[in-house]
Amino acid sequence: MDMHPTTPAAAPAPAAPAPVLAAGSGDAFEELEKQVAAAKEDYQKAIGGNKAAGTRVRKSMQDIKSQAQAIRVRVLESRSTTP
């Protein structure tokens, strides 16, 4: 068993919940761009070796993936309803 004391890591800022894509709720693609831009700083920190930033980047990427999928679904739905 490792007996080395560990220092508690600073708590990361609370992540914004993944956006819900609803008709008339604004431009979903712009929201996706904002999410990518917001993750950029943590990405740079993670590349520099900051493990906490790496965790935040992975969480952000999951949110970005969900937003991209919602956009994809919306595009497919609009294509199937177009005469």
Foldseek 3Di string as FASTA:
>chain_A
DDPDDDDDDDDDDDDDDQDDDDPPPDDLVVVLVVLVVVLVVLVVVVVVPDVVSVVVNVVSVVSSVVSVVVVVVVVVVVVVPDD
